[in-house]
């Protein structure tokens, strides 16, 4: 369903890129809101090595109908070769808030 609200997760390497992505996604109405959570420590395997880095987590609220455009824009802006982008459908929530997300992530 195109009006299903999604909560998307994306990590950024630092505050500057996180802010630029957040402002672009909200400014272009691809997302209604983006929360930035600094101080995330991520441990992962990259190019055969186990690495731990500090990152900033973005919590992006959008709709299923806007997801493909959001993904394309995020991939343009993100500094990583392989950015994380995971979308989880919101099954339950405050109806008025979910309506607000739908209205503010409208094309």
N, C-alpha and C. Protein backbone atom coordinates (compact mmCIF):
# COMPACT_ATOMS: atom_id res chain seq x y z
N UNK A 1 0.83 -1.19 0.00
CA UNK A 1 0.00 0.00 0.00
C UNK A 1 0.86 1.25 0.00
N UNK A 2 0.64 2.16 -0.90
CA UNK A 2 1.50 3.35 -0.98
C UNK A 2 1.41 4.28 0.23
N UNK A 3 0.30 4.23 0.98
CA UNK A 3 0.20 5.14 2.12
C UNK A 3 0.65 4.49 3.43
N UNK A 4 1.21 3.26 3.37
CA UNK A 4 1.78 2.64 4.56
C UNK A 4 2.96 3.48 5.04
N UNK A 5 2.98 3.81 6.32
CA UNK A 5 4.10 4.56 6.88
C UNK A 5 5.26 3.61 7.12
N UNK A 6 6.46 4.06 6.76
CA UNK A 6 7.69 3.30 6.95
C UNK A 6 8.61 4.03 7.92
N UNK A 7 9.32 3.27 8.72
CA UNK A 7 10.41 3.79 9.53
C UNK A 7 11.69 3.23 8.91
N UNK A 8 12.53 4.11 8.38
CA UNK A 8 13.75 3.71 7.70
C UNK A 8 14.96 4.02 8.58
N UNK A 9 15.92 3.11 8.54
CA UNK A 9 17.16 3.25 9.29
C UNK A 9 18.31 3.47 8.31
N UNK A 10 19.17 4.42 8.63
CA UNK A 10 20.36 4.67 7.82
C UNK A 10 21.45 5.25 8.71
N UNK A 11 22.64 4.68 8.65
CA UNK A 11 23.77 5.21 9.40
C UNK A 11 24.63 6.09 8.51
N UNK A 12 25.15 7.16 9.10
CA UNK A 12 26.06 8.09 8.40
C UNK A 12 27.37 8.16 9.18
N UNK A 13 28.46 8.49 8.49
CA UNK A 13 29.76 8.49 9.17
C UNK A 13 29.96 9.65 10.13
N UNK A 14 29.23 10.75 9.94
CA UNK A 14 29.42 11.91 10.81
C UNK A 14 28.22 12.85 10.69
N UNK A 15 28.21 13.88 11.53
CA UNK A 15 27.06 14.78 11.64
C UNK A 15 26.81 15.59 10.37
N UNK A 16 27.84 15.98 9.67
CA UNK A 16 27.67 16.83 8.49
C UNK A 16 26.87 16.13 7.39
N UNK A 17 27.25 14.90 7.08
CA UNK A 17 26.51 14.17 6.04
C UNK A 17 25.12 13.80 6.54
N UNK A 18 24.98 13.46 7.81
CA UNK A 18 23.67 13.14 8.37
C UNK A 18 22.73 14.33 8.26
N UNK A 19 23.20 15.51 8.59
CA UNK A 19 22.37 16.71 8.52
C UNK A 19 22.00 17.04 7.07
N UNK A 20 22.94 16.92 6.17
CA UNK A 20 22.67 17.21 4.76
C UNK A 20 21.61 16.26 4.21
N UNK A 21 21.71 14.98 4.53
CA UNK A 21 20.72 14.01 4.07
C UNK A 21 19.36 14.29 4.69
N UNK A 22 19.33 14.55 5.99
CA UNK A 22 18.07 14.85 6.68
C UNK A 22 17.38 16.06 6.07
N UNK A 23 18.13 17.13 5.86
CA UNK A 23 17.54 18.35 5.30
C UNK A 23 17.03 18.13 3.88
N UNK A 24 17.78 17.38 3.08
CA UNK A 24 17.35 17.12 1.69
C UNK A 24 16.08 16.28 1.67
N UNK A 25 16.02 15.22 2.45
CA UNK A 25 14.87 14.33 2.42
C UNK A 25 13.61 15.04 2.91
N UNK A 26 13.72 15.82 3.97
CA UNK A 26 12.55 16.54 4.47
C UNK A 26 12.22 17.71 3.55
N UNK A 27 13.24 18.43 3.10
CA UNK A 27 13.02 19.58 2.22
C UNK A 27 12.37 19.20 0.90
N UNK A 28 12.68 18.01 0.40
CA UNK A 28 12.12 17.54 -0.86
C UNK A 28 10.86 16.70 -0.66
N UNK A 29 10.34 16.68 0.56
CA UNK A 29 9.10 15.96 0.92
C UNK A 29 9.20 14.46 0.63
N UNK A 30 10.40 13.93 0.70
CA UNK A 30 10.59 12.48 0.59
C UNK A 30 10.44 11.83 1.96
N UNK A 31 10.55 12.62 3.00
CA UNK A 31 10.35 12.17 4.38
C UNK A 31 9.63 13.28 5.13
N UNK A 32 8.82 12.89 6.11
CA UNK A 32 8.14 13.87 6.95
C UNK A 32 9.04 14.35 8.07
N UNK A 33 9.91 13.46 8.54
CA UNK A 33 10.77 13.76 9.69
C UNK A 33 11.98 12.85 9.64
N UNK A 34 13.11 13.37 10.08
CA UNK A 34 14.31 12.55 10.24
C UNK A 34 14.90 12.88 11.61
N UNK A 35 15.04 11.86 12.45
CA UNK A 35 15.70 12.02 13.74
C UNK A 35 17.16 11.60 13.58
N UNK A 36 18.06 12.36 14.20
CA UNK A 36 19.49 12.05 14.15
C UNK A 36 19.94 11.63 15.54
N UNK A 37 20.51 10.44 15.63
CA UNK A 37 21.00 9.92 16.90
C UNK A 37 22.52 9.76 16.81
N UNK A 38 23.28 10.68 17.40
CA UNK A 38 24.74 10.57 17.37
C UNK A 38 25.24 9.51 18.35
N UNK A 39 26.49 9.14 18.19
CA UNK A 39 27.14 8.26 19.16
C UNK A 39 26.86 6.78 18.97
N UNK A 40 26.36 6.38 17.82
CA UNK A 40 26.13 4.97 17.55
C UNK A 40 27.48 4.32 17.25
N UNK A 41 27.73 3.17 17.84
CA UNK A 41 28.95 2.41 17.54
C UNK A 41 28.53 1.19 16.73
N UNK A 42 29.07 1.06 15.54
CA UNK A 42 28.73 -0.04 14.64
C UNK A 42 29.93 -0.94 14.43
N UNK A 43 29.72 -2.24 14.57
CA UNK A 43 30.75 -3.23 14.29
C UNK A 43 30.25 -4.07 13.13
N UNK A 44 31.07 -4.19 12.09
CA UNK A 44 30.64 -4.86 10.86
C UNK A 44 31.85 -5.38 10.11
N UNK A 45 31.59 -6.25 9.15
CA UNK A 45 32.66 -6.76 8.29
C UNK A 45 32.63 -5.96 6.99
N UNK A 46 33.78 -5.40 6.61
CA UNK A 46 33.88 -4.64 5.37
C UNK A 46 35.19 -4.98 4.70
N UNK A 47 35.10 -5.44 3.47
CA UNK A 47 36.27 -5.81 2.67
C UNK A 47 37.17 -6.79 3.42
N UNK A 48 36.52 -7.79 4.05
CA UNK A 48 37.24 -8.86 4.72
C UNK A 48 37.75 -8.56 6.12
N UNK A 49 37.51 -7.36 6.61
CA UNK A 49 38.00 -6.96 7.94
C UNK A 49 36.83 -6.62 8.85
N UNK A 50 36.97 -6.96 10.14
CA UNK A 50 35.99 -6.53 11.13
C UNK A 50 36.38 -5.14 11.60
N UNK A 51 35.43 -4.22 11.52
CA UNK A 51 35.68 -2.81 11.79
C UNK A 51 34.64 -2.30 12.78
N UNK A 52 35.04 -1.37 13.63
CA UNK A 52 34.11 -0.67 14.52
C UNK A 52 34.29 0.82 14.29
N UNK A 53 33.17 1.51 14.05
CA UNK A 53 33.20 2.95 13.78
C UNK A 53 32.11 3.65 14.58
N UNK A 54 32.33 4.94 14.80
CA UNK A 54 31.27 5.80 15.33
C UNK A 54 30.45 6.28 14.15
N UNK A 55 29.14 6.27 14.32
CA UNK A 55 28.26 6.72 13.25
C UNK A 55 27.11 7.52 13.86
N UNK A 56 26.33 8.11 12.98
CA UNK A 56 25.12 8.82 13.39
C UNK A 56 23.95 8.12 12.71
N UNK A 57 22.98 7.67 13.51
CA UNK A 57 21.84 6.94 12.99
C UNK A 57 20.73 7.90 12.61
N UNK A 58 20.20 7.71 11.41
CA UNK A 58 19.03 8.46 10.97
C UNK A 58 17.81 7.56 11.09
N UNK A 59 16.75 8.08 11.71
CA UNK A 59 15.44 7.43 11.74
C UNK A 59 14.54 8.27 10.85
N UNK A 60 14.19 7.72 9.72
CA UNK A 60 13.50 8.46 8.65
C UNK A 60 12.06 7.98 8.58
N UNK A 61 11.11 8.91 8.68
CA UNK A 61 9.69 8.57 8.56
C UNK A 61 9.18 8.99 7.19
N UNK A 62 8.64 8.01 6.45
CA UNK A 62 8.15 8.26 5.10
C UNK A 62 6.99 7.30 4.82
N UNK A 63 6.60 7.22 3.56
CA UNK A 63 5.56 6.27 3.16
C UNK A 63 6.11 5.31 2.11
N UNK A 64 5.42 4.20 1.96
CA UNK A 64 5.85 3.22 0.96
C UNK A 64 5.84 3.82 -0.45
N UNK A 65 4.90 4.71 -0.71
CA UNK A 65 4.82 5.35 -2.02
C UNK A 65 5.98 6.28 -2.33
N UNK A 66 6.67 6.77 -1.32
CA UNK A 66 7.81 7.68 -1.51
C UNK A 66 9.15 6.97 -1.39
N UNK A 67 9.12 5.68 -1.01
CA UNK A 67 10.37 5.00 -0.67
C UNK A 67 11.37 4.95 -1.83
N UNK A 68 10.95 4.59 -3.02
CA UNK A 68 11.91 4.45 -4.12
C UNK A 68 12.59 5.77 -4.45
N UNK A 69 11.85 6.87 -4.41
CA UNK A 69 12.46 8.18 -4.65
C UNK A 69 13.39 8.57 -3.49
N UNK A 70 12.98 8.25 -2.26
CA UNK A 70 13.83 8.50 -1.10
C UNK A 70 15.13 7.72 -1.23
N UNK A 71 15.02 6.45 -1.59
CA UNK A 71 16.22 5.61 -1.74
C UNK A 71 17.16 6.18 -2.80
N UNK A 72 16.62 6.56 -3.95
CA UNK A 72 17.46 7.11 -5.02
C UNK A 72 18.18 8.37 -4.55
N UNK A 73 17.47 9.24 -3.86
CA UNK A 73 18.08 10.50 -3.38
C UNK A 73 19.12 10.23 -2.31
N UNK A 74 18.82 9.32 -1.38
CA UNK A 74 19.77 8.99 -0.32
C UNK A 74 21.05 8.41 -0.93
N UNK A 75 20.92 7.55 -1.93
CA UNK A 75 22.12 6.98 -2.56
C UNK A 75 22.94 8.03 -3.28
N UNK A 76 22.30 9.09 -3.79
CA UNK A 76 23.04 10.19 -4.41
C UNK A 76 23.84 10.97 -3.38
N UNK A 77 23.26 11.17 -2.21
CA UNK A 77 23.84 12.05 -1.20
C UNK A 77 24.82 11.36 -0.25
N UNK A 78 24.67 10.06 -0.05
CA UNK A 78 25.40 9.37 1.01
C UNK A 78 26.86 9.17 0.64
N UNK A 79 27.78 9.41 1.59
CA UNK A 79 29.21 9.26 1.29
C UNK A 79 29.71 7.81 1.25
N UNK A 80 28.96 6.86 1.79
CA UNK A 80 29.41 5.46 1.79
C UNK A 80 29.23 4.83 0.42
N UNK A 81 30.09 3.88 0.09
CA UNK A 81 29.95 3.09 -1.13
C UNK A 81 28.70 2.21 -1.06
N UNK A 82 28.38 1.72 0.14
CA UNK A 82 27.25 0.83 0.34
C UNK A 82 26.46 1.28 1.58
N UNK A 83 25.64 2.33 1.44
CA UNK A 83 24.91 2.82 2.61
C UNK A 83 23.83 1.85 3.07
N UNK A 84 23.67 1.79 4.38
CA UNK A 84 22.58 1.04 4.97
C UNK A 84 21.28 1.80 4.74
N UNK A 85 20.26 1.10 4.28
CA UNK A 85 18.92 1.65 4.22
C UNK A 85 17.96 0.50 4.41
N UNK A 86 17.30 0.48 5.56
CA UNK A 86 16.33 -0.56 5.90
C UNK A 86 15.00 0.12 6.17
N UNK A 87 13.92 -0.41 5.61
CA UNK A 87 12.59 0.15 5.80
C UNK A 87 11.70 -0.87 6.49
N UNK A 88 11.09 -0.44 7.58
CA UNK A 88 10.20 -1.29 8.36
C UNK A 88 8.81 -0.69 8.33
N UNK A 89 7.80 -1.44 7.91
CA UNK A 89 6.45 -0.88 7.92
C UNK A 89 5.95 -0.67 9.35
N UNK A 90 5.27 0.43 9.56
CA UNK A 90 4.68 0.73 10.87
C UNK A 90 3.31 0.06 10.90
N UNK A 91 3.14 -0.88 11.79
CA UNK A 91 1.90 -1.65 11.89
C UNK A 91 0.89 -0.93 12.79
N UNK A 92 1.37 -0.34 13.87
CA UNK A 92 0.51 0.37 14.80
C UNK A 92 1.18 1.69 15.17
N UNK A 93 0.37 2.68 15.48
CA UNK A 93 0.90 3.97 15.90
C UNK A 93 -0.23 4.92 16.22
N UNK A 94 0.14 6.10 16.62
CA UNK A 94 -0.83 7.16 16.90
C UNK A 94 -1.38 7.62 15.55
N UNK A 95 -2.68 7.41 15.33
CA UNK A 95 -3.28 7.68 14.02
C UNK A 95 -3.04 9.11 13.55
N UNK A 96 -3.15 10.08 14.44
CA UNK A 96 -2.95 11.48 14.04
C UNK A 96 -1.51 11.70 13.59
N UNK A 97 -0.54 11.08 14.26
CA UNK A 97 0.85 11.21 13.85
C UNK A 97 1.09 10.53 12.49
N UNK A 98 0.54 9.35 12.31
CA UNK A 98 0.71 8.65 11.03
C UNK A 98 0.09 9.44 9.89
N UNK A 99 -1.04 10.08 10.13
CA UNK A 99 -1.65 10.95 9.12
C UNK A 99 -0.74 12.14 8.81
N UNK A 100 -0.09 12.68 9.85
CA UNK A 100 0.85 13.79 9.66
C UNK A 100 2.03 13.36 8.77
N UNK A 101 2.55 12.15 9.03
CA UNK A 101 3.65 11.64 8.19
C UNK A 101 3.17 11.54 6.75
N UNK A 102 2.02 10.97 6.54
CA UNK A 102 1.50 10.82 5.16
C UNK A 102 1.35 12.18 4.48
N UNK A 103 0.84 13.15 5.20
CA UNK A 103 0.63 14.49 4.61
C UNK A 103 1.93 15.20 4.30
N UNK A 104 2.96 14.97 5.13
CA UNK A 104 4.21 15.70 4.96
C UNK A 104 5.25 14.96 4.14
N UNK A 105 4.96 13.74 3.75
CA UNK A 105 5.82 13.01 2.82
C UNK A 105 5.08 12.80 1.50
N UNK A 106 4.21 13.73 1.18
CA UNK A 106 3.38 13.61 -0.03
C UNK A 106 4.08 14.29 -1.20
N UNK A 107 3.95 13.68 -2.36
CA UNK A 107 4.60 14.22 -3.55
C UNK A 107 3.80 15.29 -4.22
